[in-house]
Amino acid sequence: MWIVEHCAVLPKRNVVFSSFLKEGFDEADASLLECASEKEYFVVSEDPKMLRYVRLGFQLLQLADLIAVLYKKKFLSKQVTKRIIKFLRTKRNITKKKYKDLKLMLRI
């Protein structure tokens, strides 16, 4: 499966990890941020503190944004993407504004 082949969590503990701990992240978040900062990994998080951490830019994204990327890369159909985005909104995982923005951006 594509996700299994292309996703990994590699806990390491070096200077970068320590710097994230000093910035107030817990060990799990520091490990994820460390991996994303050293390699071209994407970190998917719903943690507001991590999502505000802009130094990683596009490598740190919300689940809804990952769904949008997968749709644009044609890993997901329009119908499936629409259902997922709608489900995320009903569960209040994304705001009404984010929901509308995604629908407009993806033309779904």
N, C-alpha and C. Protein backbone atom coordinates (compact mmCIF):
# COMPACT_ATOMS: atom_id res chain seq x y z
N MET A 1 0.84 -1.16 0.00
CA MET A 1 0.00 0.00 0.00
C MET A 1 0.89 1.24 0.00
N TRP A 2 0.47 2.27 -0.72
CA TRP A 2 1.28 3.48 -0.89
C TRP A 2 1.64 4.12 0.44
N ILE A 3 0.68 4.25 1.35
CA ILE A 3 0.94 4.94 2.62
C ILE A 3 1.98 4.20 3.43
N VAL A 4 1.87 2.88 3.50
CA VAL A 4 2.83 2.09 4.27
C VAL A 4 4.23 2.21 3.69
N GLU A 5 4.34 2.23 2.37
CA GLU A 5 5.64 2.31 1.71
C GLU A 5 6.29 3.68 1.84
N HIS A 6 5.49 4.73 1.98
CA HIS A 6 6.03 6.08 1.95
C HIS A 6 5.95 6.85 3.26
N CYS A 7 5.55 6.20 4.33
CA CYS A 7 5.44 6.87 5.62
C CYS A 7 6.31 6.16 6.65
N ALA A 8 6.90 6.94 7.52
CA ALA A 8 7.74 6.36 8.57
C ALA A 8 7.80 7.32 9.76
N VAL A 9 7.97 6.75 10.92
CA VAL A 9 8.24 7.54 12.12
C VAL A 9 9.58 7.06 12.63
N LEU A 10 10.54 7.94 12.62
CA LEU A 10 11.90 7.57 13.00
C LEU A 10 12.33 8.36 14.23
N PRO A 11 12.08 7.82 15.41
CA PRO A 11 12.49 8.57 16.61
C PRO A 11 14.00 8.63 16.73
N LYS A 12 14.51 9.83 16.83
CA LYS A 12 15.94 10.05 17.01
C LYS A 12 16.09 11.06 18.13
N ARG A 13 17.25 11.18 18.65
CA ARG A 13 17.45 12.13 19.74
C ARG A 13 18.79 12.83 19.54
N ASN A 14 18.76 13.92 18.80
CA ASN A 14 19.99 14.67 18.59
C ASN A 14 19.77 16.14 18.95
N VAL A 15 20.64 16.99 18.45
CA VAL A 15 20.58 18.41 18.78
C VAL A 15 19.26 19.04 18.32
N VAL A 16 18.79 18.65 17.14
CA VAL A 16 17.54 19.20 16.62
C VAL A 16 16.38 18.80 17.54
N PHE A 17 16.36 17.55 17.94
CA PHE A 17 15.33 17.05 18.87
C PHE A 17 15.34 17.88 20.16
N SER A 18 16.53 18.09 20.69
CA SER A 18 16.68 18.86 21.93
C SER A 18 16.19 20.29 21.77
N SER A 19 16.46 20.88 20.60
CA SER A 19 16.03 22.27 20.38
C SER A 19 14.50 22.36 20.35
N PHE A 20 13.84 21.36 19.80
CA PHE A 20 12.37 21.36 19.80
C PHE A 20 11.83 21.18 21.22
N LEU A 21 12.50 20.36 22.03
CA LEU A 21 12.09 20.20 23.43
C LEU A 21 12.21 21.53 24.17
N LYS A 22 13.30 22.26 23.90
CA LYS A 22 13.51 23.56 24.55
C LYS A 22 12.46 24.58 24.13
N GLU A 23 11.91 24.40 22.92
CA GLU A 23 10.87 25.32 22.43
C GLU A 23 9.50 24.97 23.01
N GLY A 24 9.44 23.92 23.82
CA GLY A 24 8.19 23.60 24.52
C GLY A 24 7.38 22.45 23.95
N PHE A 25 7.90 21.77 22.94
CA PHE A 25 7.18 20.62 22.39
C PHE A 25 7.43 19.39 23.26
N ASP A 26 6.44 18.47 23.31
CA ASP A 26 6.67 17.23 24.05
C ASP A 26 7.55 16.30 23.21
N GLU A 27 7.95 15.16 23.76
CA GLU A 27 8.89 14.27 23.07
C GLU A 27 8.35 13.74 21.75
N ALA A 28 7.07 13.39 21.71
CA ALA A 28 6.49 12.86 20.47
C ALA A 28 6.50 13.92 19.36
N ASP A 29 6.06 15.13 19.70
CA ASP A 29 6.05 16.22 18.72
C ASP A 29 7.47 16.59 18.30
N ALA A 30 8.39 16.63 19.25
CA ALA A 30 9.79 16.97 18.94
C ALA A 30 10.38 15.95 17.98
N SER A 31 10.05 14.67 18.17
CA SER A 31 10.55 13.62 17.29
C SER A 31 10.01 13.79 15.87
N LEU A 32 8.71 14.08 15.75
CA LEU A 32 8.11 14.30 14.44
C LEU A 32 8.70 15.52 13.74
N LEU A 33 8.84 16.60 14.48
CA LEU A 33 9.40 17.82 13.91
C LEU A 33 10.86 17.64 13.51
N GLU A 34 11.59 16.87 14.29
CA GLU A 34 12.98 16.59 13.96
C GLU A 34 13.08 15.86 12.62
N CYS A 35 12.27 14.83 12.44
CA CYS A 35 12.29 14.07 11.19
C CYS A 35 11.93 14.95 10.00
N ALA A 36 10.93 15.79 10.17
CA ALA A 36 10.50 16.66 9.08
C ALA A 36 11.54 17.72 8.75
N SER A 37 12.29 18.16 9.75
CA SER A 37 13.27 19.22 9.49
C SER A 37 14.53 18.67 8.85
N GLU A 38 14.84 17.40 9.05
CA GLU A 38 16.07 16.82 8.52
C GLU A 38 15.89 16.14 7.17
N LYS A 39 14.71 15.62 6.92
CA LYS A 39 14.43 14.95 5.65
C LYS A 39 13.15 15.53 5.08
N GLU A 40 12.81 15.10 3.90
CA GLU A 40 11.60 15.63 3.26
C GLU A 40 10.38 14.81 3.64
N TYR A 41 10.14 14.68 4.92
CA TYR A 41 8.94 14.01 5.42
C TYR A 41 7.84 15.03 5.62
N PHE A 42 6.61 14.58 5.47
CA PHE A 42 5.46 15.40 5.81
C PHE A 42 4.98 14.99 7.19
N VAL A 43 4.64 15.94 8.00
CA VAL A 43 4.07 15.68 9.31
C VAL A 43 2.62 16.14 9.26
N VAL A 44 1.71 15.22 9.56
CA VAL A 44 0.29 15.53 9.60
C VAL A 44 -0.11 15.64 11.06
N SER A 45 -0.67 16.77 11.43
CA SER A 45 -0.99 17.01 12.83
C SER A 45 -2.24 17.86 12.96
N GLU A 46 -2.95 17.67 14.05
CA GLU A 46 -4.08 18.52 14.39
C GLU A 46 -3.72 19.40 15.58
N ASP A 47 -2.50 19.29 16.05
CA ASP A 47 -2.02 20.04 17.21
C ASP A 47 -1.82 21.51 16.81
N PRO A 48 -2.61 22.43 17.37
CA PRO A 48 -2.50 23.85 16.98
C PRO A 48 -1.09 24.41 17.15
N LYS A 49 -0.40 24.01 18.20
CA LYS A 49 0.96 24.52 18.42
C LYS A 49 1.89 24.08 17.29
N MET A 50 1.77 22.82 16.87
CA MET A 50 2.61 22.35 15.77
C MET A 50 2.23 23.02 14.46
N LEU A 51 0.93 23.19 14.22
CA LEU A 51 0.49 23.82 12.98
C LEU A 51 0.92 25.28 12.88
N ARG A 52 1.08 25.93 14.03
CA ARG A 52 1.56 27.33 14.02
C ARG A 52 3.07 27.40 13.81
N TYR A 53 3.75 26.28 13.90
CA TYR A 53 5.19 26.27 13.76
C TYR A 53 5.54 26.38 12.28
N VAL A 54 5.77 27.58 11.81
CA VAL A 54 5.87 27.85 10.38
C VAL A 54 7.23 27.57 9.77
N ARG A 55 8.24 27.30 10.57
CA ARG A 55 9.58 27.11 10.02
C ARG A 55 9.63 25.95 9.03
N LEU A 56 8.76 24.96 9.20
CA LEU A 56 8.75 23.81 8.30
C LEU A 56 7.89 24.03 7.07
N GLY A 57 7.08 25.07 7.08
CA GLY A 57 6.27 25.39 5.92
C GLY A 57 5.33 24.27 5.52
N PHE A 58 5.41 23.86 4.26
CA PHE A 58 4.46 22.89 3.71
C PHE A 58 4.68 21.47 4.25
N GLN A 59 5.79 21.22 4.93
CA GLN A 59 6.04 19.88 5.46
C GLN A 59 5.20 19.57 6.68
N LEU A 60 4.58 20.56 7.25
CA LEU A 60 3.72 20.37 8.42
C LEU A 60 2.32 20.81 8.04
N LEU A 61 1.39 19.87 7.99
CA LEU A 61 0.07 20.22 7.53
C LEU A 61 -1.02 19.50 8.30
N GLN A 62 -2.22 20.03 8.16
CA GLN A 62 -3.40 19.47 8.79
C GLN A 62 -3.91 18.32 7.92
N LEU A 63 -4.66 17.39 8.51
CA LEU A 63 -5.19 16.24 7.78
C LEU A 63 -5.98 16.67 6.55
N ALA A 64 -6.80 17.68 6.67
CA ALA A 64 -7.59 18.15 5.53
C ALA A 64 -6.69 18.61 4.38
N ASP A 65 -5.57 19.22 4.70
CA ASP A 65 -4.63 19.66 3.66
C ASP A 65 -3.95 18.47 2.99
N LEU A 66 -3.67 17.42 3.76
CA LEU A 66 -3.10 16.20 3.17
C LEU A 66 -4.10 15.58 2.20
N ILE A 67 -5.37 15.56 2.57
CA ILE A 67 -6.41 15.03 1.68
C ILE A 67 -6.43 15.84 0.38
N ALA A 68 -6.30 17.15 0.48
CA ALA A 68 -6.28 18.01 -0.72
C ALA A 68 -5.08 17.68 -1.60
N VAL A 69 -3.92 17.47 -1.00
CA VAL A 69 -2.72 17.10 -1.77
C VAL A 69 -2.93 15.76 -2.47
N LEU A 70 -3.46 14.79 -1.75
CA LEU A 70 -3.70 13.46 -2.34
C LEU A 70 -4.70 13.55 -3.50
N TYR A 71 -5.69 14.42 -3.38
CA TYR A 71 -6.65 14.62 -4.47
C TYR A 71 -5.96 15.25 -5.68
N LYS A 72 -5.17 16.28 -5.44
CA LYS A 72 -4.48 16.95 -6.55
C LYS A 72 -3.51 16.03 -7.26
N LYS A 73 -2.91 15.10 -6.51
CA LYS A 73 -1.96 14.14 -7.10
C LYS A 73 -2.69 12.93 -7.69
N LYS A 74 -4.03 12.96 -7.65
CA LYS A 74 -4.89 11.93 -8.22
C LYS A 74 -4.82 10.58 -7.49
N PHE A 75 -4.51 10.63 -6.19
CA PHE A 75 -4.56 9.43 -5.37
C PHE A 75 -5.98 9.20 -4.85
N LEU A 76 -6.78 10.26 -4.82
CA LEU A 76 -8.17 10.18 -4.37
C LEU A 76 -9.09 10.74 -5.44
N SER A 77 -10.26 10.13 -5.58
CA SER A 77 -11.24 10.63 -6.54
C SER A 77 -11.93 11.87 -5.98
N LYS A 78 -12.61 12.57 -6.86
CA LYS A 78 -13.34 13.77 -6.45
C LYS A 78 -14.42 13.42 -5.42
N GLN A 79 -15.14 12.33 -5.66
CA GLN A 79 -16.23 11.92 -4.78
C GLN A 79 -15.71 11.55 -3.39
N VAL A 80 -14.64 10.78 -3.33
CA VAL A 80 -14.06 10.38 -2.04
C VAL A 80 -13.54 11.60 -1.29
N THR A 81 -12.87 12.48 -2.00
CA THR A 81 -12.33 13.69 -1.37
C THR A 81 -13.46 14.54 -0.79
N LYS A 82 -14.52 14.70 -1.56
CA LYS A 82 -15.67 15.49 -1.09
C LYS A 82 -16.26 14.88 0.18
N ARG A 83 -16.38 13.55 0.21
CA ARG A 83 -16.93 12.88 1.40
C ARG A 83 -16.03 13.06 2.61
N ILE A 84 -14.73 12.94 2.41
CA ILE A 84 -13.78 13.08 3.53
C ILE A 84 -13.82 14.50 4.08
N ILE A 85 -13.77 15.49 3.19
CA ILE A 85 -13.79 16.89 3.62
C ILE A 85 -15.09 17.20 4.38
N LYS A 86 -16.20 16.69 3.86
CA LYS A 86 -17.50 16.89 4.53
C LYS A 86 -17.50 16.21 5.90
N PHE A 87 -16.95 15.01 5.99
CA PHE A 87 -16.87 14.29 7.26
C PHE A 87 -16.03 15.07 8.27
N LEU A 88 -14.88 15.60 7.82
CA LEU A 88 -14.02 16.38 8.71
C LEU A 88 -14.76 17.60 9.24
N ARG A 89 -15.58 18.20 8.40
CA ARG A 89 -16.36 19.37 8.85
C ARG A 89 -17.41 18.96 9.87
N THR A 90 -18.11 17.85 9.63
CA THR A 90 -19.15 17.42 10.58
C THR A 90 -18.55 17.06 11.94
N LYS A 91 -17.32 16.61 11.95
CA LYS A 91 -16.65 16.27 13.21
C LYS A 91 -15.93 17.48 13.81
N ARG A 92 -16.10 18.63 13.17
CA ARG A 92 -15.47 19.88 13.62
C ARG A 92 -13.94 19.81 13.66
N ASN A 93 -13.41 18.99 12.76
CA ASN A 93 -11.97 18.90 12.62
C ASN A 93 -11.44 20.12 11.87
N ILE A 94 -12.29 20.68 11.00
CA ILE A 94 -11.93 21.89 10.25
C ILE A 94 -13.03 22.93 10.45
N THR A 95 -12.66 24.18 10.32
CA THR A 95 -13.62 25.26 10.47
C THR A 95 -14.51 25.37 9.23
N LYS A 96 -15.59 26.10 9.37
CA LYS A 96 -16.49 26.33 8.23
C LYS A 96 -15.74 27.06 7.12
N LYS A 97 -14.89 28.02 7.50
CA LYS A 97 -14.10 28.76 6.50
C LYS A 97 -13.14 27.84 5.76
N LYS A 98 -12.44 26.97 6.51
CA LYS A 98 -11.50 26.03 5.88
C LYS A 98 -12.26 25.09 4.94
N TYR A 99 -13.44 24.64 5.36
CA TYR A 99 -14.28 23.77 4.54
C TYR A 99 -14.63 24.46 3.22
N LYS A 100 -15.09 25.70 3.31
CA LYS A 100 -15.45 26.45 2.10
C LYS A 100 -14.23 26.69 1.21
N ASP A 101 -13.10 27.04 1.83
CA ASP A 101 -11.87 27.28 1.07
C ASP A 101 -11.42 26.03 0.33
N LEU A 102 -11.49 24.88 1.00
CA LEU A 102 -11.09 23.62 0.36
C LEU A 102 -12.03 23.27 -0.79
N LYS A 103 -13.32 23.44 -0.58
CA LYS A 103 -14.28 23.15 -1.66
C LYS A 103 -14.01 24.04 -2.87
N LEU A 104 -13.73 25.30 -2.62
CA LEU A 104 -13.45 26.23 -3.71
C LEU A 104 -12.13 25.88 -4.40
N MET A 105 -11.09 25.64 -3.61
CA MET A 105 -9.77 25.34 -4.16
C MET A 105 -9.78 24.04 -4.98
N LEU A 106 -10.48 23.03 -4.47
CA LEU A 106 -10.50 21.73 -5.14
C LEU A 106 -11.61 21.63 -6.19
N ARG A 107 -12.48 22.63 -6.20
CA ARG A 107 -13.62 22.65 -7.13
C ARG A 107 -14.48 21.40 -6.96
N ILE A 108 -14.82 21.12 -5.71
CA ILE A 108 -15.66 19.95 -5.43
C ILE A 108 -17.01 20.37 -4.87
